[in-house]
Amino acid sequence: MSMKITAAEVNQLRKSTGAGMMDCKKALVEAEGDFDKAVENLRKKGQKVAANRADRESSEGAALAKVNEDHTAGVLVSVNCETDFVAKNDAYQQLAHALADHALQFDTKDAFLSSEFQGMTVAEKLTEQTGVIGEKIEIGGFSKLTAPYVGSYIHAGNKIATLVGLSGIVDNAAEISKNVAMQAAAMNPIALNEEGVDASVVEKEIEIAKDQLRQEGKPEAMLDNIAKGKIKRFFKDNTLVNQAYIKDGKISVSDYVKSADPDLVVTGFKRVALG
C-alpha cells in the first residue's frame, strides 16, 4: 500500500527544489514521506540525467553581470543550458539571477561552485536542476573585476554581459562605465590596451602582415616598417581603449573617458558570452 502524501508536503518539496509536482510526489512516496530523503532522491535523479547528458552542448542560457552596492566589485556569470526554450523560462531566469547574486561573494569559479547555496553547494544545485529541467545545466563563464568604480552592461536577451572598471569616481561614472561596457560587448576587444596583448599574438600578426606585403611585391627592406604600421592598426581595432568609440567614431574610447575627467582611465574589463 502506497503511503499517503499530502499536497502541502508536495508543495514544500516543489518550492525547495523547483522540481515538478509529479516528480516531487514520486520522490516523497519513494522516501516514505522523509523530506530530506526525497531531496536526496531528486538529487540522485539529477546526477543520472547529468551523466546521460554530459556530452551535450550547453550554448544557451543567461549571461549576467552583477555589481555590489558601492560599485567597487562586479562579477560575470553565464548559467548555461541546452535550449533557448529553457533559457527563456521564468524559473530558469530567477535561478540564474539568484546564482549570479550569490557569485558576487567569490573571486574564483571553483570557490563559487563549492559554496553553499539553498541548502547544498552550487555544483549540487546545478546537478539537481539538471534532473528537474532535463537538460545539462552548468556554469560557463565566471569573471570577477574590482576597481574604484565598476559598471556593467547586459546585452538584450542575456547573451553577452560585460564589466568595466574606472580609475576613479566622477559625476557620471555610471553612464561612462555602461557606455564603455557596451563597447566591450559589441566590439569584443582582445585586451584592454597594447600591453595586454600577448607577445605571441603580436608576433603572429607581424608575420601575417609581412607575408601579405611580400605577396604584394614590397621589398624585404621595407617590410618591418610597414608591418609596424599594420600592428598599430591591429591595436586600434582590437584593444578596448584604442578602439573608435561606437557612439562617436571620431574619438577613441580613451578620449571619451578623458572627456569626463582628464585623469580618468579604464583600468580593466571582463566579457562573457553564450555559445
Protein backbone atom coordinates (compact mmCIF):
# COMPACT_ATOMS: atom_id res chain seq x y z
CA MET A 1 0.00 0.00 0.00
CA SER A 2 1.47 3.37 -1.06
CA MET A 3 1.99 5.99 1.59
CA LYS A 4 -0.43 8.94 1.73
CA ILE A 5 1.45 12.11 0.76
CA THR A 6 -0.30 15.43 1.33
CA ALA A 7 -0.47 18.27 -1.20
CA ALA A 8 1.26 20.54 1.37
CA GLU A 9 4.25 18.18 1.55
CA VAL A 10 4.49 18.01 -2.24
CA ASN A 11 4.27 21.81 -2.45
CA GLN A 12 7.01 22.25 0.18
CA LEU A 13 9.37 19.97 -1.78
CA ARG A 14 8.49 21.73 -5.03
CA LYS A 15 9.29 25.14 -3.51
CA SER A 16 12.55 23.84 -2.06
CA THR A 17 13.84 22.14 -5.23
CA GLY A 18 11.95 23.61 -8.18
CA ALA A 19 11.05 20.09 -9.35
CA GLY A 20 7.66 19.35 -10.95
CA MET A 21 4.67 18.29 -8.84
CA MET A 22 4.65 14.69 -10.08
CA ASP A 23 8.42 14.32 -9.60
CA CYS A 24 8.07 15.65 -6.04
CA LYS A 25 5.20 13.32 -5.21
CA LYS A 26 7.11 10.33 -6.59
CA ALA A 27 10.25 11.28 -4.61
CA LEU A 28 8.24 11.61 -1.39
CA VAL A 29 6.49 8.27 -1.93
CA GLU A 30 9.86 6.56 -2.56
CA ALA A 31 11.25 8.26 0.58
CA GLU A 32 8.16 7.20 2.61
CA GLY A 33 7.46 10.83 3.48
CA ASP A 34 11.01 11.65 4.63
CA PHE A 35 11.63 15.18 3.29
CA ASP A 36 15.47 15.07 3.33
CA LYS A 37 15.50 11.65 1.69
CA ALA A 38 13.11 12.95 -1.01
CA VAL A 39 15.50 15.84 -1.71
CA GLU A 40 18.33 13.29 -1.97
CA ASN A 41 16.23 11.17 -4.37
CA LEU A 42 15.72 14.18 -6.64
CA ARG A 43 19.46 14.96 -6.49
CA LYS A 44 20.30 11.39 -7.50
CA LYS A 45 17.89 11.71 -10.41
CA GLY A 46 19.77 14.88 -11.39
CA GLN A 47 23.11 13.04 -11.24
CA LYS A 48 21.73 10.33 -13.51
CA VAL A 49 20.39 12.87 -16.02
CA ALA A 50 23.64 14.85 -15.81
CA ALA A 51 25.70 11.73 -16.57
CA ASN A 52 23.48 10.94 -19.57
CA ARG A 53 23.77 14.49 -20.94
CA ALA A 54 27.44 15.19 -20.13
CA ASP A 55 28.42 15.37 -23.81
CA ARG A 56 25.59 17.73 -24.80
CA GLU A 57 26.27 21.31 -25.94
CA SER A 58 25.15 23.91 -23.41
CA SER A 59 25.38 27.08 -25.51
CA GLU A 60 22.12 28.72 -24.41
CA GLY A 61 21.24 30.21 -21.02
CA ALA A 62 21.80 33.55 -19.33
CA ALA A 63 24.95 35.71 -19.28
CA LEU A 64 24.60 38.06 -16.31
CA ALA A 65 26.54 40.90 -14.67
CA LYS A 66 26.14 41.85 -11.02
CA VAL A 67 27.82 44.77 -9.22
CA ASN A 68 28.00 45.36 -5.46
CA GLU A 69 26.29 48.34 -3.79
CA ASP A 70 29.33 50.61 -3.66
CA HIS A 71 30.35 49.73 -7.25
CA THR A 72 33.83 48.53 -6.28
CA ALA A 73 33.40 44.94 -7.47
CA GLY A 74 31.43 43.08 -10.10
CA VAL A 75 31.03 39.53 -11.31
CA LEU A 76 30.05 37.95 -14.63
CA VAL A 77 28.38 34.55 -14.66
CA SER A 78 26.88 32.56 -17.51
CA VAL A 79 24.42 29.90 -16.39
CA ASN A 80 24.31 27.60 -19.41
CA CYS A 81 21.63 25.19 -20.64
CA GLU A 82 20.95 23.35 -23.90
CA THR A 83 17.96 25.15 -25.43
CA ASP A 84 16.63 28.67 -25.83
CA PHE A 85 13.22 27.36 -24.69
CA VAL A 86 14.58 26.55 -21.21
CA ALA A 87 16.71 29.74 -21.12
CA LYS A 88 13.60 31.91 -21.54
CA ASN A 89 11.69 30.14 -18.76
CA ASP A 90 10.95 32.47 -15.81
CA ALA A 91 12.04 29.91 -13.20
CA TYR A 92 15.35 29.40 -15.04
CA GLN A 93 15.95 33.15 -15.22
CA GLN A 94 15.19 33.50 -11.49
CA LEU A 95 17.67 30.72 -10.68
CA ALA A 96 20.33 32.32 -12.92
CA HIS A 97 19.91 35.72 -11.22
CA ALA A 98 19.99 34.15 -7.75
CA LEU A 99 23.22 32.31 -8.64
CA ALA A 100 24.78 35.49 -10.09
CA ASP A 101 23.86 37.49 -6.95
CA HIS A 102 25.46 34.75 -4.84
CA ALA A 103 28.57 34.74 -7.05
CA LEU A 104 29.42 38.32 -6.05
CA GLN A 105 30.90 36.97 -2.81
CA PHE A 106 33.57 34.89 -4.57
CA ASP A 107 36.76 35.55 -6.53
CA THR A 108 37.04 32.25 -8.42
CA LYS A 109 34.73 29.83 -10.18
CA ASP A 110 35.90 26.93 -8.00
CA ALA A 111 35.14 28.82 -4.77
CA PHE A 112 31.72 29.73 -6.15
CA LEU A 113 30.88 26.15 -7.22
CA SER A 114 31.85 24.71 -3.84
CA SER A 115 29.98 27.36 -1.79
CA GLU A 116 26.66 26.73 -0.05
CA PHE A 117 23.54 27.78 -1.95
CA GLN A 118 19.96 26.95 -0.93
CA GLY A 119 21.00 24.12 1.39
CA MET A 120 23.59 22.49 -0.89
CA THR A 121 26.65 23.51 -2.89
CA VAL A 122 26.25 25.44 -6.14
CA ALA A 123 27.60 22.40 -8.03
CA GLU A 124 24.98 20.17 -6.38
CA LYS A 125 22.25 22.70 -7.19
CA LEU A 126 23.21 22.61 -10.86
CA THR A 127 23.05 18.79 -10.81
CA GLU A 128 19.67 18.89 -9.04
CA GLN A 129 18.30 21.36 -11.61
CA THR A 130 19.63 19.19 -14.45
CA GLY A 131 17.30 16.48 -13.10
CA VAL A 132 14.41 18.92 -12.63
CA ILE A 133 14.71 20.52 -16.09
CA GLY A 134 16.01 17.51 -18.01
CA GLU A 135 18.82 19.50 -19.66
CA LYS A 136 22.50 19.93 -18.93
CA ILE A 137 22.87 22.97 -16.62
CA GLU A 138 26.35 24.32 -15.87
CA ILE A 139 28.33 27.45 -15.13
CA GLY A 140 30.10 28.53 -18.30
CA GLY A 141 31.93 31.81 -17.81
CA PHE A 142 32.88 33.32 -14.43
CA SER A 143 34.88 36.55 -14.05
CA LYS A 144 35.44 38.97 -11.18
CA LEU A 145 36.52 42.60 -11.55
CA THR A 146 37.44 45.14 -8.86
CA ALA A 147 38.17 48.85 -9.36
CA PRO A 148 37.49 52.25 -7.75
CA TYR A 149 34.28 52.20 -9.85
CA VAL A 150 32.80 49.18 -11.64
CA GLY A 151 29.96 49.43 -14.16
CA SER A 152 28.15 46.78 -16.17
CA TYR A 153 26.11 46.09 -19.30
CA ILE A 154 23.95 43.11 -20.28
CA HIS A 155 23.07 42.80 -23.96
CA ALA A 156 19.40 42.22 -24.86
CA GLY A 157 18.38 38.59 -24.33
CA ASN A 158 21.14 37.97 -21.76
CA LYS A 159 23.52 36.68 -24.46
CA ILE A 160 26.52 38.89 -23.59
CA ALA A 161 27.47 40.56 -20.30
CA THR A 162 30.38 42.90 -19.60
CA LEU A 163 32.05 44.74 -16.71
CA VAL A 164 34.27 47.81 -16.91
CA GLY A 165 36.49 49.31 -14.21
CA LEU A 166 37.26 53.04 -13.96
CA SER A 167 40.21 54.58 -12.09
CA GLY A 168 38.01 56.94 -10.10
CA ILE A 169 34.52 58.14 -9.30
CA VAL A 170 33.19 61.05 -11.38
CA ASP A 171 29.69 62.54 -11.56
CA ASN A 172 28.53 60.42 -14.48
CA ALA A 173 30.61 57.30 -13.73
CA ALA A 174 27.54 55.06 -14.15
CA GLU A 175 26.87 56.33 -17.68
CA ILE A 176 30.53 56.30 -18.74
CA SER A 177 31.18 52.78 -17.45
CA LYS A 178 27.96 51.48 -19.04
CA ASN A 179 28.86 53.01 -22.41
CA VAL A 180 32.37 51.51 -22.31
CA ALA A 181 30.91 48.16 -21.19
CA MET A 182 28.52 48.36 -24.16
CA GLN A 183 31.54 48.96 -26.40
CA ALA A 184 33.24 45.84 -24.99
CA ALA A 185 30.08 43.81 -25.62
CA ALA A 186 29.69 44.99 -29.21
CA MET A 187 33.32 45.08 -30.35
CA ASN A 188 34.77 42.13 -28.37
CA PRO A 189 38.31 43.53 -27.83
CA ILE A 190 41.05 41.00 -27.11
CA ALA A 191 42.72 43.19 -24.45
CA LEU A 192 42.44 46.48 -22.58
CA ASN A 193 45.48 48.09 -24.27
CA GLU A 194 48.69 47.25 -26.15
CA GLU A 195 50.38 45.92 -23.01
CA GLY A 196 47.57 43.42 -22.52
CA VAL A 197 48.07 41.71 -25.88
CA ASP A 198 50.14 38.53 -25.63
CA ALA A 199 53.55 38.82 -27.33
CA SER A 200 52.88 35.65 -29.35
CA VAL A 201 49.73 37.26 -30.82
CA VAL A 202 51.73 40.35 -31.84
CA GLU A 203 54.47 38.19 -33.43
CA LYS A 204 51.88 36.21 -35.37
CA GLU A 205 50.21 39.41 -36.63
CA ILE A 206 53.60 40.80 -37.73
CA GLU A 207 54.32 37.59 -39.69
CA ILE A 208 50.86 37.70 -41.33
CA ALA A 209 51.42 41.36 -42.28
CA LYS A 210 54.87 40.60 -43.74
CA ASP A 211 53.52 37.66 -45.77
CA GLN A 212 50.79 39.88 -47.22
CA LEU A 213 53.34 42.57 -48.10
CA ARG A 214 55.64 40.02 -49.79
CA GLN A 215 52.70 38.81 -51.88
CA GLU A 216 52.08 42.44 -52.88
CA GLY A 217 55.70 42.60 -54.08
CA LYS A 218 57.01 45.01 -51.44
CA PRO A 219 60.83 44.96 -51.00
CA GLU A 220 62.10 43.00 -47.99
CA ALA A 221 63.91 46.05 -46.55
CA MET A 222 60.59 47.90 -46.18
CA LEU A 223 58.65 45.08 -44.53
CA ASP A 224 59.49 45.86 -40.88
CA ASN A 225 58.42 49.50 -41.07
CA ILE A 226 55.18 48.80 -42.96
CA ALA A 227 54.38 45.87 -40.63
CA LYS A 228 54.75 48.22 -37.61
CA GLY A 229 52.07 50.45 -39.12
CA LYS A 230 49.79 47.45 -39.57
CA ILE A 231 50.34 46.43 -35.92
CA LYS A 232 49.30 49.93 -34.82
CA ARG A 233 46.10 49.41 -36.77
CA PHE A 234 45.66 45.98 -35.15
CA PHE A 235 45.91 47.56 -31.68
CA LYS A 236 43.43 50.27 -32.69
CA ASP A 237 40.90 47.66 -33.84
CA ASN A 238 41.40 45.10 -31.08
CA THR A 239 42.23 46.86 -27.78
CA LEU A 240 39.38 48.48 -25.87
CA VAL A 241 40.86 51.88 -25.01
CA ASN A 242 42.24 52.39 -28.54
CA GLN A 243 39.11 51.37 -30.43
CA ALA A 244 36.99 54.02 -32.14
CA TYR A 245 34.17 54.84 -29.73
CA ILE A 246 30.95 53.30 -31.13
CA LYS A 247 28.84 56.39 -30.30
CA ASP A 248 31.32 58.81 -31.91
CA GLY A 249 33.76 57.25 -34.39
CA LYS A 250 35.94 60.40 -34.44
CA ILE A 251 37.31 59.69 -30.96
CA SER A 252 38.77 56.66 -29.18
CA VAL A 253 37.29 55.04 -26.08
CA SER A 254 40.18 56.52 -24.10
CA ASP A 255 39.35 60.01 -25.42
CA TYR A 256 35.69 59.54 -24.49
CA VAL A 257 36.59 58.60 -20.90
CA LYS A 258 39.02 61.52 -20.58
CA SER A 259 36.33 63.94 -21.79
CA ALA A 260 34.67 63.40 -18.39
CA ASP A 261 37.92 63.87 -16.45
CA PRO A 262 41.46 64.20 -17.92
CA ASP A 263 42.81 61.82 -15.25
CA LEU A 264 40.13 59.14 -15.71
CA VAL A 265 41.19 55.84 -17.33
CA VAL A 266 39.70 52.40 -17.89
CA THR A 267 41.51 50.02 -15.54
CA GLY A 268 40.07 46.74 -16.82
CA PHE A 269 37.16 44.93 -18.40
CA LYS A 270 35.61 41.46 -18.44
CA ARG A 271 33.28 39.92 -21.01
CA VAL A 272 31.27 36.70 -21.06
CA ALA A 273 29.12 35.45 -23.94
CA LEU A 274 26.95 32.43 -24.64
CA GLY A 275 27.80 29.99 -27.41
